[in-house]
Amino acid sequence: MKTFALAFLGGIFGALLMDLTEAAMAKIGIRSGVNIALVGRWCLGLTRGRLAHADIQASPPLPCEAGVGWAFHFLIGGGGVALFYPAALLATGAPLPDQPLLDGLIFGLATSVLPWFVLLPAFGWGWFGRRGPRGANALLASPLSHIPYGLGIGAVMAVGSGFR
C-alpha cells in the first residue's frame, strides 16, 4: 500500500515538474498546443458523453474549464496515471526497482503515448497531434515533458522507500 501512496504522490510531484518543463520549453518555442482550459473542456465534455471533438478549440468554452483542467491534470494525469507504475510491478511480480530514477524516467517516457494516442486525437488533432495548432510540436513536446514526470515519480519512490 505504501508503494501506491508513494507513486500517487510522485505522480502529483511529477505533474508539477512537467508543468515547469512545459513553461521552459514554451520559451524556446517547443509547444504541444495543449493548454489547461482545453484539458478541462475535454474533461467536462466526457461528463456530457462527448469523447472526441472535431477541433476542441472550436468547441464553446465551458464554465470552470480551467479549474477542472487543473484538477484533472494533477489528480488523474498526475497521481492516477502514476498508479500504473506499482500496479505493473505487482502484476508482473517484479520487485521494487533498484534504480527508481531510471525506472521512473522509462515510465515517464512510456506515458508519452497517452497524449499521442488518447488526448490529442480526442481534441480532434489526430495521432501525435499532427493536426494541432500552428507551431505546435506535440511529437517532441510530449516525451520532453514526460521525462520530468517520470523522474518525479522515481524521486518520490526513492526517497519514500529509503533508497540510498
C-alpha atoms as a PDB file:
ATOM      1  CA  MET A   1       0.000   0.000   0.000  1.00  0.00           C
ATOM      2  CA  LYS A   2       2.899   2.351   0.776  1.00  0.00           C
ATOM      3  CA  THR A   3       4.189   1.878  -2.773  1.00  0.00           C
ATOM      4  CA  PHE A   4       0.856   3.006  -4.242  1.00  0.00           C
ATOM      5  CA  ALA A   5       0.753   6.068  -1.974  1.00  0.00           C
ATOM      6  CA  LEU A   6       4.313   6.973  -2.956  1.00  0.00           C
ATOM      7  CA  ALA A   7       3.522   6.536  -6.653  1.00  0.00           C
ATOM      8  CA  PHE A   8       0.418   8.735  -6.357  1.00  0.00           C
ATOM      9  CA  LEU A   9       2.336  11.478  -4.559  1.00  0.00           C
ATOM     10  CA  GLY A  10       5.200  11.069  -7.017  1.00  0.00           C
ATOM     11  CA  GLY A  11       2.750  11.488  -9.888  1.00  0.00           C
ATOM     12  CA  ILE A  12       1.500  14.761  -8.465  1.00  0.00           C
ATOM     13  CA  PHE A  13       5.085  15.939  -7.943  1.00  0.00           C
ATOM     14  CA  GLY A  14       5.933  14.742 -11.451  1.00  0.00           C
ATOM     15  CA  ALA A  15       2.978  16.677 -12.887  1.00  0.00           C
ATOM     16  CA  LEU A  16       4.335  19.823 -11.249  1.00  0.00           C
ATOM     17  CA  LEU A  17       7.774  19.149 -12.778  1.00  0.00           C
ATOM     18  CA  MET A  18       6.052  18.556 -16.114  1.00  0.00           C
ATOM     19  CA  ASP A  19       4.342  21.959 -15.916  1.00  0.00           C
ATOM     20  CA  LEU A  20       7.624  23.709 -15.117  1.00  0.00           C
ATOM     21  CA  THR A  21       9.306  21.933 -18.035  1.00  0.00           C
ATOM     22  CA  GLU A  22       6.492  22.848 -20.426  1.00  0.00           C
ATOM     23  CA  ALA A  23       6.768  26.502 -19.400  1.00  0.00           C
ATOM     24  CA  ALA A  24      10.528  26.436 -20.049  1.00  0.00           C
ATOM     25  CA  MET A  25      10.061  24.652 -23.384  1.00  0.00           C
ATOM     26  CA  ALA A  26       7.469  27.221 -24.490  1.00  0.00           C
ATOM     27  CA  LYS A  27      10.074  29.957 -24.016  1.00  0.00           C
ATOM     28  CA  ILE A  28      12.273  28.258 -26.620  1.00  0.00           C
ATOM     29  CA  GLY A  29       9.393  27.516 -28.984  1.00  0.00           C
ATOM     30  CA  ILE A  30       8.577  23.876 -28.171  1.00  0.00           C
ATOM     31  CA  ARG A  31       4.825  23.597 -27.504  1.00  0.00           C
ATOM     32  CA  SER A  32       2.245  20.821 -27.650  1.00  0.00           C
ATOM     33  CA  GLY A  33      -0.642  23.221 -28.306  1.00  0.00           C
ATOM     34  CA  VAL A  34      -2.492  21.901 -25.261  1.00  0.00           C
ATOM     35  CA  ASN A  35      -3.490  24.302 -22.512  1.00  0.00           C
ATOM     36  CA  ILE A  36      -5.185  23.601 -19.207  1.00  0.00           C
ATOM     37  CA  ALA A  37      -8.512  25.126 -20.272  1.00  0.00           C
ATOM     38  CA  LEU A  38      -8.685  22.721 -23.226  1.00  0.00           C
ATOM     39  CA  VAL A  39      -7.990  19.797 -20.889  1.00  0.00           C
ATOM     40  CA  GLY A  40     -10.854  20.981 -18.683  1.00  0.00           C
ATOM     41  CA  ARG A  41     -13.137  21.436 -21.695  1.00  0.00           C
ATOM     42  CA  TRP A  42     -12.389  17.878 -22.796  1.00  0.00           C
ATOM     43  CA  CYS A  43     -12.900  16.512 -19.270  1.00  0.00           C
ATOM     44  CA  LEU A  44     -16.223  18.331 -18.898  1.00  0.00           C
ATOM     45  CA  GLY A  45     -17.206  17.024 -22.320  1.00  0.00           C
ATOM     46  CA  LEU A  46     -16.592  13.487 -21.048  1.00  0.00           C
ATOM     47  CA  THR A  47     -19.143  14.065 -18.286  1.00  0.00           C
ATOM     48  CA  ARG A  48     -21.628  15.006 -21.004  1.00  0.00           C
ATOM     49  CA  GLY A  49     -20.890  11.905 -23.084  1.00  0.00           C
ATOM     50  CA  ARG A  50     -18.558  13.581 -25.557  1.00  0.00           C
ATOM     51  CA  LEU A  51     -15.287  11.694 -26.009  1.00  0.00           C
ATOM     52  CA  ALA A  52     -13.938  13.465 -29.080  1.00  0.00           C
ATOM     53  CA  HIS A  53     -14.132  16.844 -30.776  1.00  0.00           C
ATOM     54  CA  ALA A  54     -13.634  17.751 -34.419  1.00  0.00           C
ATOM     55  CA  ASP A  55     -11.382  20.547 -33.104  1.00  0.00           C
ATOM     56  CA  ILE A  56     -11.609  21.283 -29.411  1.00  0.00           C
ATOM     57  CA  GLN A  57     -10.561  24.888 -29.989  1.00  0.00           C
ATOM     58  CA  ALA A  58     -13.765  25.412 -31.980  1.00  0.00           C
ATOM     59  CA  SER A  59     -15.911  23.938 -29.187  1.00  0.00           C
ATOM     60  CA  PRO A  60     -17.506  26.598 -26.996  1.00  0.00           C
ATOM     61  CA  PRO A  61     -15.762  27.334 -23.696  1.00  0.00           C
ATOM     62  CA  LEU A  62     -17.401  25.817 -20.621  1.00  0.00           C
ATOM     63  CA  PRO A  63     -17.738  27.304 -17.140  1.00  0.00           C
ATOM     64  CA  CYS A  64     -14.848  26.442 -14.807  1.00  0.00           C
ATOM     65  CA  GLU A  65     -12.943  24.599 -17.535  1.00  0.00           C
ATOM     66  CA  ALA A  66      -9.537  25.826 -16.361  1.00  0.00           C
ATOM     67  CA  GLY A  67     -10.181  24.709 -12.761  1.00  0.00           C
ATOM     68  CA  VAL A  68     -11.447  21.333 -13.943  1.00  0.00           C
ATOM     69  CA  GLY A  69      -8.413  21.058 -16.203  1.00  0.00           C
ATOM     70  CA  TRP A  70      -6.028  21.642 -13.276  1.00  0.00           C
ATOM     71  CA  ALA A  71      -7.872  19.123 -11.096  1.00  0.00           C
ATOM     72  CA  PHE A  72      -7.817  16.531 -13.881  1.00  0.00           C
ATOM     73  CA  HIS A  73      -4.150  17.183 -14.625  1.00  0.00           C
ATOM     74  CA  PHE A  74      -2.971  16.690 -11.047  1.00  0.00           C
ATOM     75  CA  LEU A  75      -5.364  14.044  -9.732  1.00  0.00           C
ATOM     76  CA  ILE A  76      -5.821  11.849 -12.792  1.00  0.00           C
ATOM     77  CA  GLY A  77      -2.981  12.714 -15.139  1.00  0.00           C
ATOM     78  CA  GLY A  78      -0.503  13.160 -12.324  1.00  0.00           C
ATOM     79  CA  GLY A  79      -1.349  10.894  -9.448  1.00  0.00           C
ATOM     80  CA  GLY A  80      -3.792   8.480 -11.123  1.00  0.00           C
ATOM     81  CA  VAL A  81      -1.627   7.519 -14.087  1.00  0.00           C
ATOM     82  CA  ALA A  82       1.299   7.033 -11.705  1.00  0.00           C
ATOM     83  CA  LEU A  83      -0.628   4.180 -10.052  1.00  0.00           C
ATOM     84  CA  PHE A  84       0.017   2.096 -13.164  1.00  0.00           C
ATOM     85  CA  TYR A  85       3.688   2.041 -12.203  1.00  0.00           C
ATOM     86  CA  PRO A  86       3.341  -0.018  -8.985  1.00  0.00           C
ATOM     87  CA  ALA A  87       0.390  -1.927 -10.474  1.00  0.00           C
ATOM     88  CA  ALA A  88       2.653  -3.148 -13.297  1.00  0.00           C
ATOM     89  CA  LEU A  89       5.274  -4.196 -10.756  1.00  0.00           C
ATOM     90  CA  LEU A  90       2.645  -6.045  -8.736  1.00  0.00           C
ATOM     91  CA  ALA A  91       1.098  -7.717 -11.790  1.00  0.00           C
ATOM     92  CA  THR A  92       4.458  -8.960 -13.060  1.00  0.00           C
ATOM     93  CA  GLY A  93       5.798  -9.915  -9.647  1.00  0.00           C
ATOM     94  CA  ALA A  94       8.780  -7.643 -10.196  1.00  0.00           C
ATOM     95  CA  PRO A  95      10.473  -6.257  -7.104  1.00  0.00           C
ATOM     96  CA  LEU A  96      10.703  -2.554  -6.439  1.00  0.00           C
ATOM     97  CA  PRO A  97      13.353  -1.151  -8.750  1.00  0.00           C
ATOM     98  CA  ASP A  98      16.973  -0.898  -7.702  1.00  0.00           C
ATOM     99  CA  GLN A  99      17.229   2.268  -9.781  1.00  0.00           C
ATOM    100  CA  PRO A 100      13.992   4.195  -9.098  1.00  0.00           C
ATOM    101  CA  LEU A 101      15.086   7.295 -11.020  1.00  0.00           C
ATOM    102  CA  LEU A 102      15.974   5.336 -14.142  1.00  0.00           C
ATOM    103  CA  ASP A 103      12.815   3.247 -13.935  1.00  0.00           C
ATOM    104  CA  GLY A 104      10.765   6.394 -13.315  1.00  0.00           C
ATOM    105  CA  LEU A 105      12.331   8.015 -16.366  1.00  0.00           C
ATOM    106  CA  ILE A 106      11.447   4.976 -18.505  1.00  0.00           C
ATOM    107  CA  PHE A 107       7.889   5.010 -17.131  1.00  0.00           C
ATOM    108  CA  GLY A 108       7.620   8.726 -17.861  1.00  0.00           C
ATOM    109  CA  LEU A 109       8.724   8.207 -21.455  1.00  0.00           C
ATOM    110  CA  ALA A 110       6.222   5.360 -21.801  1.00  0.00           C
ATOM    111  CA  THR A 111       3.414   7.696 -20.718  1.00  0.00           C
ATOM    112  CA  SER A 112       4.177   9.901 -23.732  1.00  0.00           C
ATOM    113  CA  VAL A 113       1.851   7.658 -25.696  1.00  0.00           C
ATOM    114  CA  LEU A 114      -1.175   8.874 -23.704  1.00  0.00           C
ATOM    115  CA  PRO A 115      -1.291  12.331 -25.300  1.00  0.00           C
ATOM    116  CA  TRP A 116      -0.239  10.961 -28.682  1.00  0.00           C
ATOM    117  CA  PHE A 117      -2.934   8.284 -28.894  1.00  0.00           C
ATOM    118  CA  VAL A 118      -5.675   9.433 -26.496  1.00  0.00           C
ATOM    119  CA  LEU A 119      -5.753  13.148 -25.655  1.00  0.00           C
ATOM    120  CA  LEU A 120      -4.656  14.713 -28.941  1.00  0.00           C
ATOM    121  CA  PRO A 121      -6.909  12.539 -31.137  1.00  0.00           C
ATOM    122  CA  ALA A 122      -9.809  13.301 -28.761  1.00  0.00           C
ATOM    123  CA  PHE A 123      -9.052  17.003 -29.248  1.00  0.00           C
ATOM    124  CA  GLY A 124      -9.503  16.420 -32.986  1.00  0.00           C
ATOM    125  CA  TRP A 125      -5.819  16.879 -33.684  1.00  0.00           C
ATOM    126  CA  GLY A 126      -5.041  13.334 -34.854  1.00  0.00           C
ATOM    127  CA  TRP A 127      -2.378  10.906 -33.699  1.00  0.00           C
ATOM    128  CA  PHE A 128       0.739  12.646 -32.410  1.00  0.00           C
ATOM    129  CA  GLY A 129      -1.170  15.960 -32.652  1.00  0.00           C
ATOM    130  CA  ARG A 130      -0.253  16.313 -36.317  1.00  0.00           C
ATOM    131  CA  ARG A 131      -3.339  18.488 -36.982  1.00  0.00           C
ATOM    132  CA  GLY A 132      -2.858  20.585 -33.854  1.00  0.00           C
ATOM    133  CA  PRO A 133      -2.462  24.341 -33.661  1.00  0.00           C
ATOM    134  CA  ARG A 134       0.019  26.033 -35.957  1.00  0.00           C
ATOM    135  CA  GLY A 135       3.520  25.978 -34.474  1.00  0.00           C
ATOM    136  CA  ALA A 136       2.778  23.120 -32.064  1.00  0.00           C
ATOM    137  CA  ASN A 137       5.059  20.100 -31.952  1.00  0.00           C
ATOM    138  CA  ALA A 138       3.342  17.552 -29.732  1.00  0.00           C
ATOM    139  CA  LEU A 139       5.530  14.750 -31.079  1.00  0.00           C
ATOM    140  CA  LEU A 140       8.566  16.351 -29.440  1.00  0.00           C
ATOM    141  CA  ALA A 141       6.853  18.160 -26.548  1.00  0.00           C
ATOM    142  CA  SER A 142       5.212  15.052 -25.107  1.00  0.00           C
ATOM    143  CA  PRO A 143       8.336  12.992 -24.354  1.00  0.00           C
ATOM    144  CA  LEU A 144      10.274  16.067 -23.247  1.00  0.00           C
ATOM    145  CA  SER A 145       7.593  16.942 -20.690  1.00  0.00           C
ATOM    146  CA  HIS A 146       7.021  13.344 -19.589  1.00  0.00           C
ATOM    147  CA  ILE A 147      10.687  12.800 -18.685  1.00  0.00           C
ATOM    148  CA  PRO A 148      10.453  15.056 -15.602  1.00  0.00           C
ATOM    149  CA  TYR A 149       7.072  13.493 -14.818  1.00  0.00           C
ATOM    150  CA  GLY A 150       8.690  10.068 -14.573  1.00  0.00           C
ATOM    151  CA  LEU A 151      11.688  11.436 -12.701  1.00  0.00           C
ATOM    152  CA  GLY A 152       9.296  12.972 -10.167  1.00  0.00           C
ATOM    153  CA  ILE A 153       7.699   9.580  -9.572  1.00  0.00           C
ATOM    154  CA  GLY A 154      11.101   7.915  -9.318  1.00  0.00           C
ATOM    155  CA  ALA A 155      12.414  10.554  -6.912  1.00  0.00           C
ATOM    156  CA  VAL A 156       9.455  10.264  -4.522  1.00  0.00           C
ATOM    157  CA  MET A 157       9.594   6.469  -4.695  1.00  0.00           C
ATOM    158  CA  ALA A 158      13.338   6.574  -3.936  1.00  0.00           C
ATOM    159  CA  VAL A 159      13.025   8.972  -1.005  1.00  0.00           C
ATOM    160  CA  GLY A 160       9.910   7.280   0.388  1.00  0.00           C
ATOM    161  CA  SER A 161      11.396   3.800   0.286  1.00  0.00           C
ATOM    162  CA  GLY A 162      14.672   4.868   1.901  1.00  0.00           C
ATOM    163  CA  PHE A 163      16.669   4.243  -1.278  1.00  0.00           C
ATOM    164  CA  ARG A 164      20.331   5.110  -0.818  1.00  0.00           C
END
